[in-house]
Structures are given as structure tokens and as C-alpha cells.
C-alpha atoms as a PDB file:
ATOM      1  CA  MET A   1     -19.008  -4.170 -24.600  1.00  0.00           C
ATOM      2  CA  ALA A   2     -19.494  -4.638 -20.692  1.00  0.00           C
ATOM      3  CA  VAL A   3     -16.623  -4.954 -18.807  1.00  0.00           C
ATOM      4  CA  THR A   4     -17.106  -7.427 -15.585  1.00  0.00           C
ATOM      5  CA  GLY A   5     -14.446  -6.433 -12.701  1.00  0.00           C
ATOM      6  CA  PRO A   6     -13.055  -4.123 -10.623  1.00  0.00           C
ATOM      7  CA  ASP A   7     -12.803  -0.726 -12.141  1.00  0.00           C
ATOM      8  CA  LEU A   8      -9.990   1.745 -11.239  1.00  0.00           C
ATOM      9  CA  GLU A   9     -11.157   3.154  -8.461  1.00  0.00           C
ATOM     10  CA  GLN A  10     -12.292   0.180  -6.947  1.00  0.00           C
ATOM     11  CA  VAL A  11      -9.012  -1.049  -7.153  1.00  0.00           C
ATOM     12  CA  TYR A  12      -7.380   1.764  -5.028  1.00  0.00           C
ATOM     13  CA  ASP A  13     -10.709   1.740  -2.710  1.00  0.00           C
ATOM     14  CA  SER A  14      -9.604  -2.190  -1.738  1.00  0.00           C
ATOM     15  CA  ILE A  15      -6.293  -1.577  -1.745  1.00  0.00           C
ATOM     16  CA  PHE A  16      -5.967   1.910   0.746  1.00  0.00           C
ATOM     17  CA  GLY A  17      -8.894   0.328   2.361  1.00  0.00           C
ATOM     18  CA  CYS A  18      -6.859  -3.123   3.393  1.00  0.00           C
ATOM     19  CA  PHE A  19      -4.044  -1.194   4.309  1.00  0.00           C
ATOM     20  CA  ARG A  20      -6.046   1.286   6.033  1.00  0.00           C
ATOM     21  CA  THR A  21      -7.695  -1.052   8.372  1.00  0.00           C
ATOM     22  CA  ALA A  22      -4.291  -3.140   9.278  1.00  0.00           C
ATOM     23  CA  TRP A  23      -2.894   0.150   9.992  1.00  0.00           C
ATOM     24  CA  LEU A  24      -5.172   1.834  12.213  1.00  0.00           C
ATOM     25  CA  THR A  25      -5.926  -1.303  14.141  1.00  0.00           C
ATOM     26  CA  ASN A  26      -2.144  -2.462  14.693  1.00  0.00           C
ATOM     27  CA  THR A  27      -0.121   0.547  14.815  1.00  0.00           C
ATOM     28  CA  PRO A  28      -1.864   2.506  17.948  1.00  0.00           C
ATOM     29  CA  THR A  29       0.004  -0.305  20.548  1.00  0.00           C
ATOM     30  CA  LEU A  30       3.551   0.313  18.869  1.00  0.00           C
ATOM     31  CA  ALA A  31       3.215   4.115  18.293  1.00  0.00           C
ATOM     32  CA  GLY A  32       2.427   5.206  22.537  1.00  0.00           C
ATOM     33  CA  GLY A  33      -1.560   4.953  21.775  1.00  0.00           C
ATOM     34  CA  THR A  34      -2.076   6.761  18.385  1.00  0.00           C
ATOM     35  CA  ALA A  35      -1.432   5.490  14.848  1.00  0.00           C
ATOM     36  CA  PRO A  36       0.832   7.059  12.919  1.00  0.00           C
ATOM     37  CA  GLU A  37      -0.795   9.229  10.030  1.00  0.00           C
ATOM     38  CA  ILE A  38      -1.117   8.363   6.691  1.00  0.00           C
ATOM     39  CA  GLU A  39       0.019  10.589   3.794  1.00  0.00           C
ATOM     40  CA  TRP A  40      -2.701   9.706   0.774  1.00  0.00           C
ATOM     41  CA  PRO A  41      -1.833  10.297  -2.815  1.00  0.00           C
ATOM     42  CA  ASP A  42      -5.066  12.269  -3.160  1.00  0.00           C
ATOM     43  CA  MET A  43      -5.217  14.228  -0.165  1.00  0.00           C
ATOM     44  CA  PRO A  44      -3.932  17.659  -0.293  1.00  0.00           C
ATOM     45  CA  ARG A  45      -0.545  18.682   1.611  1.00  0.00           C
ATOM     46  CA  PRO A  46      -1.245  20.218   4.968  1.00  0.00           C
ATOM     47  CA  GLU A  47       0.241  23.336   5.691  1.00  0.00           C
ATOM     48  CA  THR A  48       2.731  21.736   7.698  1.00  0.00           C
ATOM     49  CA  PRO A  49       3.370  18.352   5.579  1.00  0.00           C
ATOM     50  CA  LEU A  50       3.649  15.315   8.417  1.00  0.00           C
ATOM     51  CA  SER A  51       7.752  15.446   7.259  1.00  0.00           C
ATOM     52  CA  GLU A  52       8.251  18.708   9.100  1.00  0.00           C
ATOM     53  CA  GLY A  53       7.165  17.048  12.267  1.00  0.00           C
ATOM     54  CA  LYS A  54       8.213  14.989  14.823  1.00  0.00           C
ATOM     55  CA  ASP A  55       5.834  11.860  14.947  1.00  0.00           C
ATOM     56  CA  PRO A  56       6.077   8.380  12.978  1.00  0.00           C
ATOM     57  CA  TRP A  57       4.196   8.802  10.001  1.00  0.00           C
ATOM     58  CA  CYS A  58       3.812   6.679   6.174  1.00  0.00           C
ATOM     59  CA  ARG A  59       2.809   7.293   2.925  1.00  0.00           C
ATOM     60  CA  ILE A  60       1.606   5.126   0.661  1.00  0.00           C
ATOM     61  CA  ALA A  61       1.652   4.968  -3.190  1.00  0.00           C
ATOM     62  CA  VAL A  62       0.039   2.440  -6.334  1.00  0.00           C
ATOM     63  CA  LYS A  63       1.560   2.404  -9.341  1.00  0.00           C
ATOM     64  CA  HIS A  64      -0.109  -0.023 -12.140  1.00  0.00           C
ATOM     65  CA  GLN A  65       2.308  -1.751 -14.240  1.00  0.00           C
ATOM     66  CA  GLU A  66       0.922  -4.271 -16.675  1.00  0.00           C
ATOM     67  CA  ARG A  67      -2.213  -4.848 -18.233  1.00  0.00           C
ATOM     68  CA  MET A  68      -2.132  -7.704 -20.519  1.00  0.00           C
ATOM     69  CA  LEU A  69      -4.881  -9.264 -22.666  1.00  0.00           C
ATOM     70  CA  THR A  70      -4.644 -12.911 -22.071  1.00  0.00           C
ATOM     71  CA  THR A  71      -7.713 -14.203 -24.316  1.00  0.00           C
ATOM     72  CA  ILE A  72      -9.859 -13.060 -26.861  1.00  0.00           C
ATOM     73  CA  GLY A  73     -13.365 -14.428 -26.933  1.00  0.00           C
ATOM     74  CA  THR A  74     -16.115 -13.713 -29.588  1.00  0.00           C
ATOM     75  CA  LEU A  75     -18.920 -13.584 -26.912  1.00  0.00           C
ATOM     76  CA  PRO A  76     -19.182 -10.965 -24.288  1.00  0.00           C
ATOM     77  CA  GLY A  77     -17.153 -12.011 -21.029  1.00  0.00           C
ATOM     78  CA  GLN A  78     -15.081 -14.236 -23.423  1.00  0.00           C
ATOM     79  CA  GLY A  79     -12.116 -12.210 -23.225  1.00  0.00           C
ATOM     80  CA  ARG A  80      -9.752 -11.393 -20.108  1.00  0.00           C
ATOM     81  CA  THR A  81      -6.820  -8.819 -19.307  1.00  0.00           C
ATOM     82  CA  LYS A  82      -4.708  -9.097 -16.137  1.00  0.00           C
ATOM     83  CA  SER A  83      -3.639  -6.077 -14.422  1.00  0.00           C
ATOM     84  CA  THR A  84      -0.720  -5.898 -11.682  1.00  0.00           C
ATOM     85  CA  GLY A  85       0.775  -3.312 -10.069  1.00  0.00           C
ATOM     86  CA  THR A  86       2.749  -2.060  -7.347  1.00  0.00           C
ATOM     87  CA  VAL A  87       1.751  -0.734  -3.806  1.00  0.00           C
ATOM     88  CA  LYS A  88       4.368   0.901  -1.591  1.00  0.00           C
ATOM     89  CA  VAL A  89       4.106   2.126   1.631  1.00  0.00           C
ATOM     90  CA  ASN A  90       6.961   4.328   2.872  1.00  0.00           C
ATOM     91  CA  ILE A  91       7.207   4.382   6.745  1.00  0.00           C
ATOM     92  CA  PHE A  92       9.475   7.160   8.696  1.00  0.00           C
ATOM     93  CA  VAL A  93      10.365   6.858  12.458  1.00  0.00           C
ATOM     94  CA  PRO A  94      12.271   9.665  13.830  1.00  0.00           C
ATOM     95  CA  ALA A  95      16.001   8.784  13.148  1.00  0.00           C
ATOM     96  CA  GLY A  96      18.406   7.720  16.368  1.00  0.00           C
ATOM     97  CA  LYS A  97      18.279   4.915  19.147  1.00  0.00           C
ATOM     98  CA  ARG A  98      16.084   2.413  18.136  1.00  0.00           C
ATOM     99  CA  GLY A  99      14.886   3.768  14.660  1.00  0.00           C
ATOM    100  CA  LEU A 100      15.637   0.561  12.740  1.00  0.00           C
ATOM    101  CA  ALA A 101      13.473  -1.417  15.824  1.00  0.00           C
ATOM    102  CA  PHE A 102      11.046   0.704  15.642  1.00  0.00           C
ATOM    103  CA  ALA A 103      10.354   1.480  12.013  1.00  0.00           C
ATOM    104  CA  SER A 104      10.675  -2.477  11.513  1.00  0.00           C
ATOM    105  CA  ARG A 105       7.558  -2.905  13.475  1.00  0.00           C
ATOM    106  CA  LEU A 106       5.796  -0.886  12.156  1.00  0.00           C
ATOM    107  CA  GLY A 107       6.806  -2.736   8.641  1.00  0.00           C
ATOM    108  CA  LYS A 108       5.308  -5.554   9.932  1.00  0.00           C
ATOM    109  CA  VAL A 109       2.264  -4.378   9.446  1.00  0.00           C
ATOM    110  CA  ALA A 110       2.358  -3.191   6.960  1.00  0.00           C
ATOM    111  CA  VAL A 111       3.334  -6.569   5.324  1.00  0.00           C
ATOM    112  CA  ALA A 112       0.860  -8.544   7.178  1.00  0.00           C
ATOM    113  CA  ALA A 113      -1.892  -5.830   4.976  1.00  0.00           C
ATOM    114  CA  PHE A 114      -0.519  -7.362   2.252  1.00  0.00           C
ATOM    115  CA  GLU A 115       1.225 -10.562   2.782  1.00  0.00           C
ATOM    116  CA  GLY A 116      -1.304 -13.554   1.500  1.00  0.00           C
ATOM    117  CA  GLN A 117      -4.260 -11.330   1.401  1.00  0.00           C
ATOM    118  CA  ARG A 118      -6.954 -10.858  -0.527  1.00  0.00           C
ATOM    119  CA  ALA A 119      -8.988  -7.160  -0.745  1.00  0.00           C
ATOM    120  CA  GLY A 120     -12.450  -7.310  -3.071  1.00  0.00           C
ATOM    121  CA  ASP A 121     -11.214  -8.532  -6.290  1.00  0.00           C
ATOM    122  CA  VAL A 122      -7.197  -7.523  -5.786  1.00  0.00           C
ATOM    123  CA  TRP A 123      -4.634  -9.880  -4.643  1.00  0.00           C
ATOM    124  CA  PHE A 124      -1.534  -9.303  -3.758  1.00  0.00           C
ATOM    125  CA  THR A 125       1.951 -11.563  -3.627  1.00  0.00           C
ATOM    126  CA  ASP A 126       5.289 -10.436  -3.257  1.00  0.00           C
ATOM    127  CA  VAL A 127       5.317  -8.241  -0.188  1.00  0.00           C
ATOM    128  CA  VAL A 128       8.814  -7.215   0.045  1.00  0.00           C
ATOM    129  CA  PRO A 129      10.048  -5.083   3.568  1.00  0.00           C
ATOM    130  CA  GLN A 130      12.870  -2.857   2.635  1.00  0.00           C
ATOM    131  CA  GLU A 131      15.384  -0.846   5.129  1.00  0.00           C
ATOM    132  CA  VAL A 132      15.870   1.871   3.530  1.00  0.00           C
ATOM    133  CA  GLY A 133      18.031   4.242   6.049  1.00  0.00           C
ATOM    134  CA  ILE A 134      18.298   7.493   7.094  1.00  0.00           C
ATOM    135  CA  ASP A 135      17.081  10.499   5.431  1.00  0.00           C
ATOM    136  CA  GLY A 136      17.655  13.918   7.370  1.00  0.00           C
ATOM    137  CA  ALA A 137      15.634  13.201  10.261  1.00  0.00           C
ATOM    138  CA  TRP A 138      14.292  10.077   9.389  1.00  0.00           C
ATOM    139  CA  TYR A 139      14.994   6.564   9.626  1.00  0.00           C
ATOM    140  CA  GLN A 140      12.689   5.296   6.207  1.00  0.00           C
ATOM    141  CA  TYR A 141      11.561   2.096   5.957  1.00  0.00           C
ATOM    142  CA  ASP A 142       9.674   0.656   2.801  1.00  0.00           C
ATOM    143  CA  VAL A 143       7.344  -2.331   2.080  1.00  0.00           C
ATOM    144  CA  LYS A 144       6.171  -3.170  -1.413  1.00  0.00           C
ATOM    145  CA  ALA A 145       3.589  -5.764  -2.958  1.00  0.00           C
ATOM    146  CA  THR A 146       2.402  -6.839  -6.267  1.00  0.00           C
ATOM    147  CA  PHE A 147      -1.104  -6.449  -6.685  1.00  0.00           C
ATOM    148  CA  HIS A 148      -3.186  -8.331  -9.267  1.00  0.00           C
ATOM    149  CA  TYR A 149      -6.850  -8.268 -10.869  1.00  0.00           C
ATOM    150  CA  ASP A 150      -8.541  -9.265 -13.382  1.00  0.00           C
ATOM    151  CA  ASN A 151     -11.440  -7.704 -15.865  1.00  0.00           C
ATOM    152  CA  HIS A 152     -13.833 -10.207 -18.233  1.00  0.00           C
ATOM    153  CA  LEU A 153     -14.140  -7.975 -21.589  1.00  0.00           C
END
């Protein structure tokens, strides 16, 4: 039985590509000329973690939550599954003077990367910015979005 629609690797590539493009295009002017570094889930940790530095940075994670069989068919292509999950971006800026303001400006970029957007066969809804607060030397600001995609069986 052939499945049409994105496989997991394509889903990851779509989500990460959508975010990466928005982040690298729109954050350099906010952060003094260079986009804050991104910690990717499949990259090995560097010798000096970003959290030990003094520059703003972010991390992105994808978590699938549900895969439902919504239609059963007797012929190929008539069955359908719907998958949903959450993409979460954690943004960290040095704590202190104007940390919330700086973090929220970077957060706007993450919100715009997903809100009302479609990346390949993946689309996004329910984009929520969230002020987390001070965590050691960092002010943390999160952006969460629900992603969706379908497959035909």
C-alpha cells in the first residue's frame, strides 16, 4: 500500500526550513547584524553550549501528538490520516535591562514564521507567544505553534 503525503523527514524539513528562513532573514537587524544562533534538535552539542555564552540564541523542537485514521477506504488513496503536533521555539536573551522587550521582538519573528503559514504539506495554527521569565543569566520567551498534515493510504 503506497502512502501519499509527507514522510516524517519531509515534515521536519518543512517546519525547520520555514523557521530558519524567517529567523535568518528577519533577526539580524534586531540583534546587531547577526542572526542569533539556533540550537537544532538533531545537532550534537558544541563544546561550549550556547547557554554558556552571552549572545541571544534559540532552540527549536518538534513533538508529534496525534495521528488519527479519519477515513478508511477499500481502494488505494481512499484512506486518510491526520497528524498534529507542536513546534516550540525557546528564545533566550541576556537577562537584565530590556530583556522582555528584546525577547518579544525576536518572538515576533518566530510568530510570523508560523502564524497563518503553510510549509509544503504542513500548515500551522494556534500560534502562541509566551513570556517565561528569568532563568539564570537569561530571559526566556517561548513561541508554540500547532502543526498539521495529512496522508492518504
